[in-house]
Amino acid sequence: MALAIGIVGLPNVGKSTLFNALTKKSVPAENYPFCTIDPSVGVVAVPDERLYQLAEFSHTKKTIPAAVEFVDIAGLVKGASEGEGLGNQFLAHIRETDAIAQVVRIFEDSNVIHVDGKVDPVSDIETIDLELILADMQTVTKRLGNIEKDVKRGDKGAIQEKAILLRIQEGLEAEKLAREVSLNDEELAILRSMHLLTMKPILYVLNKKAGGKNLDEIKDERYEKLLAYLETRKASFVIVDAGVEHDLSQLEGEEKEMFRAELGVKDDGINDLIKKSYELLGLEVYFTTGEVETRAWTIKKGSTAPIAGMAIHTDFKDKFIRAEVIFWKDLLGVGSFATAREKGMMRIEGKEYIVKDGDVMEFRV
């Protein structure tokens, strides 16, 4: 499953530093045929201890984690929707991603100039959101013009689409993101082909800086305003120190943990970012494990067993007969597949089974 998250932000917010830290966690591209070999794309493993416990259990020769593509997108400036700076390139690259990780600077440092001359996280978010909104308004206006002939001749599909687009247009004019407009599943399906930028889920990456004046640490009112803003929008966010994580990415084991302790950085912000990005896209994993390979397979939450099987091979959907399923922890606890079968812990599931995050599966086709 090809999944890409675009890293966006104003100049000098730490976007490229974050991307460089992420790419240190890259996994071999040959395991992921969807991977684009491009210096601005990193295929990053999703941290998951369950996978490695299963690999140890099976004495496996090869372990392949779930992965997410992160794309380093050109920095945005005001006027991007009108082609300012690298605006057209910026917007085109976002359109190709599944979600957005918007890097927001929450530190002051006189050595790192802010493009607007002052650090104001909410203003930074609003600047990027406005450019995305303006770009979507152009897309919606153009589409409305293209379907008008079909509307006039009474085409029911065009009439329905126009009604949806007018609601989206009204929301955008009120400076709402398209995803904040209430739509049912049918309406969302109709709108999906438009690839609107503001329909994409957004994860806000609040970037601090060791040695800088971090707004969260000093309880600055700008940070309190930012938290209130994110809460109002029901937005997901993570806090990272991109610079520290980049430095730490060069280290391993005890040396890495010692350096982290010296800097007073307790959490692995990069791992949190990767996990939250995965959650943002509504994804989960199931596992296959054996002596040859242990692997985490990416699926959409709520997938039935035949749909989940398509992650392995597209034929699994039509040729699916049944699947043997056991929860990963239960398998480790019982000690072997053979014992699990003897104790009746390996369940036989049919086409209607909804796969759960953490299932270990063997498909019969």
Protein backbone atom coordinates (compact mmCIF):
# COMPACT_ATOMS: atom_id res chain seq x y z
CA MET A 1 0.00 0.00 0.00
CA ALA A 2 1.63 3.22 -1.20
CA LEU A 3 1.37 5.82 1.55
CA ALA A 4 3.01 9.21 1.47
CA ILE A 5 3.09 12.07 3.94
CA GLY A 6 4.27 15.45 2.75
CA ILE A 7 6.42 17.49 5.15
CA VAL A 8 5.49 21.13 4.71
CA GLY A 9 6.26 24.38 6.47
CA LEU A 10 7.46 27.94 6.13
CA PRO A 11 11.20 28.54 5.57
CA ASN A 12 13.46 28.10 8.64
CA VAL A 13 11.04 26.07 10.76
CA GLY A 14 13.20 22.90 10.76
CA LYS A 15 11.46 21.03 7.95
CA SER A 16 14.56 19.74 6.17
CA THR A 17 16.29 18.91 9.48
CA LEU A 18 13.28 16.80 10.41
CA PHE A 19 13.30 15.06 7.05
CA ASN A 20 17.01 14.27 7.39
CA ALA A 21 16.39 12.79 10.84
CA LEU A 22 13.58 10.66 9.43
CA THR A 23 15.62 9.34 6.54
CA LYS A 24 18.18 7.98 8.99
CA LYS A 25 15.41 5.52 9.87
CA SER A 26 14.91 4.54 6.24
CA VAL A 27 14.42 0.91 5.31
CA PRO A 28 15.68 -0.93 2.19
CA ALA A 29 13.65 0.29 -0.76
CA GLU A 30 13.65 -3.10 -2.51
CA ASN A 31 11.15 -4.38 0.07
CA TYR A 32 8.64 -1.73 -0.98
CA PRO A 33 7.97 -1.74 -4.74
CA PHE A 34 5.96 1.49 -4.48
CA CYS A 35 9.06 3.39 -3.34
CA THR A 36 10.14 6.30 -5.52
CA ILE A 37 13.93 6.55 -5.71
CA ASP A 38 14.24 10.27 -5.15
CA PRO A 39 16.43 12.25 -2.75
CA SER A 40 13.38 14.04 -1.36
CA VAL A 41 11.58 10.78 -0.47
CA GLY A 42 12.36 8.59 2.52
CA VAL A 43 10.71 5.21 3.19
CA VAL A 44 10.59 5.00 6.97
CA ALA A 45 9.86 1.96 9.14
CA VAL A 46 6.94 2.17 11.55
CA PRO A 47 8.30 1.39 15.05
CA ASP A 48 6.66 -1.83 16.27
CA GLU A 49 8.20 -4.06 18.94
CA ARG A 50 5.58 -6.74 18.26
CA LEU A 51 7.15 -7.44 14.88
CA TYR A 52 10.60 -8.08 16.32
CA GLN A 53 9.23 -10.26 19.11
CA LEU A 54 7.49 -12.39 16.48
CA ALA A 55 10.68 -12.52 14.40
CA GLU A 56 12.61 -13.80 17.42
CA PHE A 57 9.82 -16.31 18.13
CA SER A 58 10.06 -17.69 14.58
CA HIS A 59 13.87 -17.46 14.30
CA THR A 60 13.14 -15.69 11.07
CA LYS A 61 15.77 -14.90 8.43
CA LYS A 62 14.19 -11.66 7.25
CA THR A 63 12.12 -9.04 9.07
CA ILE A 64 10.15 -6.41 7.15
CA PRO A 65 8.33 -3.65 9.06
CA ALA A 66 5.40 -1.58 7.89
CA ALA A 67 6.55 1.65 6.28
CA VAL A 68 5.48 5.18 5.41
CA GLU A 69 6.90 7.48 2.74
CA PHE A 70 7.86 10.95 3.90
CA VAL A 71 8.28 13.57 1.17
CA ASP A 72 10.32 16.73 1.74
CA ILE A 73 8.30 19.42 -0.02
CA ALA A 74 9.70 22.81 -1.05
CA GLY A 75 9.22 25.56 1.55
CA LEU A 76 6.10 27.65 1.19
CA VAL A 77 5.85 31.44 1.05
CA LYS A 78 2.84 33.74 0.98
CA GLY A 79 1.40 33.82 -2.52
CA ALA A 80 2.18 30.16 -3.27
CA SER A 81 -1.34 29.68 -4.63
CA GLU A 82 -0.54 32.43 -7.18
CA GLY A 83 2.78 30.81 -8.10
CA GLU A 84 5.04 32.83 -5.79
CA GLY A 85 8.36 31.21 -4.87
CA LEU A 86 8.11 27.50 -5.65
CA GLY A 87 4.36 27.68 -5.13
CA ASN A 88 3.24 25.58 -8.09
CA GLN A 89 5.79 22.88 -7.29
CA PHE A 90 4.84 23.00 -3.60
CA LEU A 91 1.13 22.55 -4.28
CA ALA A 92 1.61 19.85 -6.94
CA HIS A 93 3.75 17.78 -4.58
CA ILE A 94 1.21 18.05 -1.75
CA ARG A 95 -1.53 16.89 -4.12
CA GLU A 96 0.36 13.61 -4.62
CA THR A 97 0.53 12.80 -0.89
CA ASP A 98 -2.02 11.09 1.36
CA ALA A 99 -1.54 13.38 4.36
CA ILE A 100 0.38 16.44 5.52
CA ALA A 101 2.87 16.81 8.35
CA GLN A 102 2.99 20.56 8.91
CA VAL A 103 6.13 21.65 10.77
CA VAL A 104 5.47 24.59 13.10
CA ARG A 105 8.29 26.43 14.82
CA ILE A 106 7.84 26.89 18.59
CA PHE A 107 11.29 28.24 19.45
CA GLU A 108 13.01 31.59 19.33
CA ASP A 109 16.64 31.83 18.25
CA SER A 110 18.24 35.02 16.98
CA ASN A 111 20.53 32.92 14.76
CA VAL A 112 17.57 31.39 12.90
CA ILE A 113 15.60 34.14 11.17
CA HIS A 114 11.85 33.71 10.88
CA VAL A 115 10.48 34.54 7.44
CA ASP A 116 7.94 36.96 9.00
CA GLY A 117 10.42 38.47 11.46
CA LYS A 118 8.65 37.01 14.50
CA VAL A 119 7.72 33.60 15.89
CA ASP A 120 3.94 33.13 15.95
CA PRO A 121 2.89 29.46 15.55
CA VAL A 122 -0.82 30.11 14.95
CA SER A 123 -0.01 32.72 12.31
CA ASP A 124 2.33 30.26 10.59
CA ILE A 125 -0.40 27.61 10.46
CA GLU A 126 -2.90 30.12 9.13
CA THR A 127 -0.47 31.24 6.41
CA ILE A 128 -0.10 27.70 5.06
CA ASP A 129 -3.78 26.89 5.48
CA LEU A 130 -4.75 30.03 3.55
CA GLU A 131 -2.52 29.09 0.61
CA LEU A 132 -4.04 25.61 0.54
CA ILE A 133 -7.55 27.09 0.75
CA LEU A 134 -6.87 29.55 -2.09
CA ALA A 135 -5.50 26.74 -4.27
CA ASP A 136 -8.60 24.64 -3.57
CA MET A 137 -10.88 27.56 -4.38
CA GLN A 138 -9.26 27.73 -7.82
CA THR A 139 -9.79 23.98 -8.29
CA VAL A 140 -13.45 24.14 -7.20
CA THR A 141 -14.22 27.21 -9.34
CA LYS A 142 -12.70 25.54 -12.40
CA ARG A 143 -14.66 22.34 -11.81
CA LEU A 144 -17.92 24.23 -11.37
CA GLY A 145 -17.33 25.88 -14.74
CA ASN A 146 -16.56 22.55 -16.42
CA ILE A 147 -19.78 20.83 -15.27
CA GLU A 148 -22.16 23.73 -15.86
CA LYS A 149 -23.22 22.47 -19.31
CA ASP A 150 -24.11 19.07 -17.85
CA VAL A 151 -26.03 20.78 -15.04
CA LYS A 152 -28.07 22.82 -17.54
CA ARG A 153 -29.07 19.74 -19.51
CA GLY A 154 -30.29 18.12 -16.27
CA ASP A 155 -27.58 15.52 -15.65
CA LYS A 156 -28.34 14.19 -12.16
CA GLY A 157 -24.70 13.39 -11.35
CA ALA A 158 -23.56 16.87 -12.33
CA ILE A 159 -26.38 18.49 -10.34
CA GLN A 160 -25.41 16.49 -7.24
CA GLU A 161 -21.72 17.32 -7.69
CA LYS A 162 -22.48 21.02 -8.11
CA ALA A 163 -24.43 21.06 -4.84
CA ILE A 164 -21.47 19.49 -3.04
CA LEU A 165 -18.96 21.85 -4.65
CA LEU A 166 -21.02 24.89 -3.70
CA ARG A 167 -20.97 23.76 -0.06
CA ILE A 168 -17.21 23.28 -0.25
CA GLN A 169 -16.82 26.67 -1.89
CA GLU A 170 -18.85 28.30 0.87
CA GLY A 171 -16.65 26.65 3.49
CA LEU A 172 -13.43 27.69 1.76
CA GLU A 173 -14.64 31.28 1.47
CA ALA A 174 -15.17 31.21 5.24
CA GLU A 175 -11.50 30.07 5.52
CA LYS A 176 -12.48 26.55 6.56
CA LEU A 177 -10.56 23.52 5.35
CA ALA A 178 -12.60 21.31 3.01
CA ARG A 179 -12.38 18.41 5.49
CA GLU A 180 -14.15 20.60 8.07
CA VAL A 181 -17.27 20.69 5.87
CA SER A 182 -19.74 17.99 6.95
CA LEU A 183 -20.11 15.38 4.19
CA ASN A 184 -21.53 11.86 4.10
CA ASP A 185 -19.69 8.87 2.61
CA GLU A 186 -21.36 9.21 -0.80
CA GLU A 187 -20.49 12.90 -1.00
CA LEU A 188 -16.91 12.21 0.06
CA ALA A 189 -16.59 9.60 -2.70
CA ILE A 190 -17.78 12.11 -5.30
CA LEU A 191 -15.34 14.72 -4.02
CA ARG A 192 -12.34 12.36 -3.80
CA SER A 193 -11.46 12.65 -7.49
CA MET A 194 -10.87 16.39 -6.99
CA HIS A 195 -7.78 15.71 -4.82
CA LEU A 196 -8.42 18.84 -2.79
CA LEU A 197 -5.45 19.85 -0.66
CA THR A 198 -7.53 20.79 2.37
CA MET A 199 -9.27 17.40 2.39
CA LYS A 200 -6.01 15.77 3.43
CA PRO A 201 -5.53 14.93 7.13
CA ILE A 202 -2.94 17.13 8.85
CA LEU A 203 -0.53 16.28 11.67
CA TYR A 204 1.07 19.35 13.24
CA VAL A 205 4.72 18.84 14.15
CA LEU A 206 5.67 21.37 16.84
CA ASN A 207 9.41 21.83 16.48
CA LYS A 208 11.50 23.05 19.42
CA LYS A 209 15.25 23.61 19.64
CA ALA A 210 17.74 22.57 22.32
CA GLY A 211 19.43 25.72 23.60
CA GLY A 212 16.71 27.92 22.15
CA LYS A 213 13.85 29.72 23.85
CA ASN A 214 11.13 27.08 23.57
CA LEU A 215 7.62 28.43 23.91
CA ASP A 216 6.27 25.26 25.54
CA GLU A 217 8.94 25.26 28.24
CA ILE A 218 8.45 28.90 29.28
CA LYS A 219 4.63 28.64 29.16
CA ASP A 220 4.57 31.47 26.64
CA GLU A 221 1.11 32.79 25.80
CA ARG A 222 1.78 32.06 22.11
CA TYR A 223 2.08 28.37 23.00
CA GLU A 224 -1.09 28.45 25.07
CA LYS A 225 -2.84 30.12 22.13
CA LEU A 226 -1.50 27.39 19.83
CA LEU A 227 -2.81 24.57 22.05
CA ALA A 228 -6.22 26.23 22.22
CA TYR A 229 -6.23 26.62 18.43
CA LEU A 230 -5.35 22.94 17.86
CA GLU A 231 -7.95 21.80 20.38
CA THR A 232 -10.64 23.87 18.67
CA ARG A 233 -9.80 22.23 15.35
CA LYS A 234 -9.51 18.78 16.99
CA ALA A 235 -6.08 18.55 15.38
CA SER A 236 -3.42 15.92 16.03
CA PHE A 237 0.06 17.09 16.96
CA VAL A 238 3.45 15.87 18.18
CA ILE A 239 6.32 17.78 19.77
CA VAL A 240 9.82 17.10 18.44
CA ASP A 241 13.27 18.63 18.54
CA ALA A 242 14.28 18.04 14.93
CA GLY A 243 17.87 19.14 15.53
CA VAL A 244 18.40 16.79 18.47
CA GLU A 245 16.67 13.92 16.68
CA HIS A 246 18.90 14.48 13.66
CA ASP A 247 22.00 14.34 15.89
CA LEU A 248 20.68 11.28 17.73
CA SER A 249 19.97 9.51 14.45
CA GLN A 250 23.73 9.18 13.97
CA LEU A 251 24.06 7.18 17.20
CA GLU A 252 23.03 3.72 18.38
CA GLY A 253 22.32 1.85 21.64
CA GLU A 254 23.70 3.11 24.96
CA GLU A 255 25.56 6.02 23.36
CA LYS A 256 22.30 7.29 21.94
CA GLU A 257 20.48 7.00 25.26
CA MET A 258 23.34 8.71 27.13
CA PHE A 259 23.28 11.62 24.69
CA ARG A 260 19.50 11.84 24.98
CA ALA A 261 19.78 11.96 28.80
CA GLU A 262 22.47 14.65 28.67
CA LEU A 263 20.24 16.81 26.50
CA GLY A 264 17.24 16.18 28.75
CA VAL A 265 15.19 14.79 25.84
CA LYS A 266 13.13 11.91 27.27
CA ASP A 267 10.94 10.88 24.37
CA ASP A 268 11.79 9.75 20.86
CA GLY A 269 9.89 12.44 19.00
CA ILE A 270 10.62 10.86 15.63
CA ASN A 271 9.05 7.54 16.63
CA ASP A 272 6.00 9.41 17.93
CA LEU A 273 5.78 11.26 14.61
CA ILE A 274 5.95 8.06 12.58
CA LYS A 275 3.34 6.29 14.73
CA LYS A 276 0.96 9.26 14.74
CA SER A 277 1.32 9.63 10.98
CA TYR A 278 0.30 5.99 10.59
CA GLU A 279 -2.71 6.52 12.86
CA LEU A 280 -3.61 9.71 10.98
CA LEU A 281 -4.09 7.70 7.81
CA GLY A 282 -6.44 5.25 9.56
CA LEU A 283 -4.07 2.32 9.20
CA GLU A 284 -3.22 -0.79 11.16
CA VAL A 285 -1.15 -3.91 10.62
CA TYR A 286 -1.42 -7.66 10.74
CA PHE A 287 1.54 -10.03 10.74
CA THR A 288 2.75 -13.11 8.92
CA THR A 289 5.62 -14.96 10.53
CA GLY A 290 7.80 -17.99 9.83
CA GLU A 291 11.41 -19.05 9.44
CA VAL A 292 11.81 -17.36 6.06
CA GLU A 293 10.17 -14.01 6.83
CA THR A 294 8.27 -12.07 9.46
CA ARG A 295 6.39 -9.10 8.07
CA ALA A 296 3.95 -6.36 9.05
CA TRP A 297 1.28 -5.78 6.40
CA THR A 298 -0.45 -2.42 6.14
CA ILE A 299 -4.24 -2.28 5.82
CA LYS A 300 -7.03 0.20 6.36
CA LYS A 301 -8.84 -0.18 9.68
CA GLY A 302 -12.02 -2.20 9.26
CA SER A 303 -10.70 -4.36 6.38
CA THR A 304 -12.21 -7.80 5.92
CA ALA A 305 -9.89 -10.81 5.64
CA PRO A 306 -10.04 -11.01 1.79
CA ILE A 307 -9.29 -7.27 1.49
CA ALA A 308 -6.47 -7.57 4.02
CA GLY A 309 -5.05 -10.48 2.01
CA MET A 310 -4.68 -8.19 -1.01
CA ALA A 311 -1.74 -6.56 0.79
CA ILE A 312 0.12 -9.81 0.11
CA HIS A 313 -1.29 -10.49 -3.35
CA THR A 314 -4.28 -9.07 -5.24
CA ASP A 315 -5.48 -12.61 -6.06
CA PHE A 316 -6.18 -13.21 -2.36
CA LYS A 317 -9.42 -11.24 -2.56
CA ASP A 318 -11.10 -13.46 -5.17
CA LYS A 319 -9.40 -16.74 -4.25
CA PHE A 320 -9.80 -16.39 -0.50
CA ILE A 321 -11.16 -19.51 1.23
CA ARG A 322 -10.39 -18.93 4.90
CA ALA A 323 -7.70 -17.62 7.23
CA GLU A 324 -6.18 -18.97 10.42
CA VAL A 325 -5.91 -16.15 12.95
CA ILE A 326 -4.37 -15.69 16.38
CA PHE A 327 -3.52 -12.51 18.28
CA TRP A 328 0.25 -11.91 18.37
CA LYS A 329 0.49 -11.94 22.16
CA ASP A 330 -1.49 -15.16 22.43
CA LEU A 331 0.86 -16.84 19.94
CA LEU A 332 3.95 -15.78 21.88
CA GLY A 333 2.33 -16.90 25.12
CA VAL A 334 1.47 -20.39 23.91
CA GLY A 335 4.90 -21.00 22.39
CA SER A 336 4.21 -22.42 18.93
CA PHE A 337 1.64 -22.63 16.12
CA ALA A 338 1.30 -26.35 16.76
CA THR A 339 0.41 -25.85 20.42
CA ALA A 340 -1.97 -23.02 19.49
CA ARG A 341 -3.80 -25.38 17.12
CA GLU A 342 -3.90 -28.17 19.72
CA LYS A 343 -5.45 -25.81 22.25
CA GLY A 344 -7.93 -24.46 19.68
CA MET A 345 -6.47 -20.95 19.87
CA MET A 346 -5.97 -20.68 16.09
CA ARG A 347 -9.34 -19.47 14.88
CA ILE A 348 -10.69 -20.29 11.42
CA GLU A 349 -12.18 -17.08 9.99
CA GLY A 350 -14.18 -16.53 6.80
CA LYS A 351 -14.77 -13.72 4.33
CA GLU A 352 -16.68 -11.51 6.77
CA TYR A 353 -13.97 -11.43 9.43
CA ILE A 354 -12.75 -7.91 10.28
CA VAL A 355 -8.99 -8.07 10.76
CA LYS A 356 -7.69 -6.61 14.04
CA ASP A 357 -4.48 -4.71 14.58
CA GLY A 358 -1.93 -7.25 15.82
CA ASP A 359 -3.51 -10.36 14.28
CA VAL A 360 -1.11 -13.04 13.06
CA MET A 361 -2.63 -14.63 9.95
CA GLU A 362 -2.17 -17.57 7.61
CA PHE A 363 -4.31 -17.40 4.47
CA ARG A 364 -5.81 -20.34 2.61
CA VAL A 365 -6.54 -19.61 -1.07
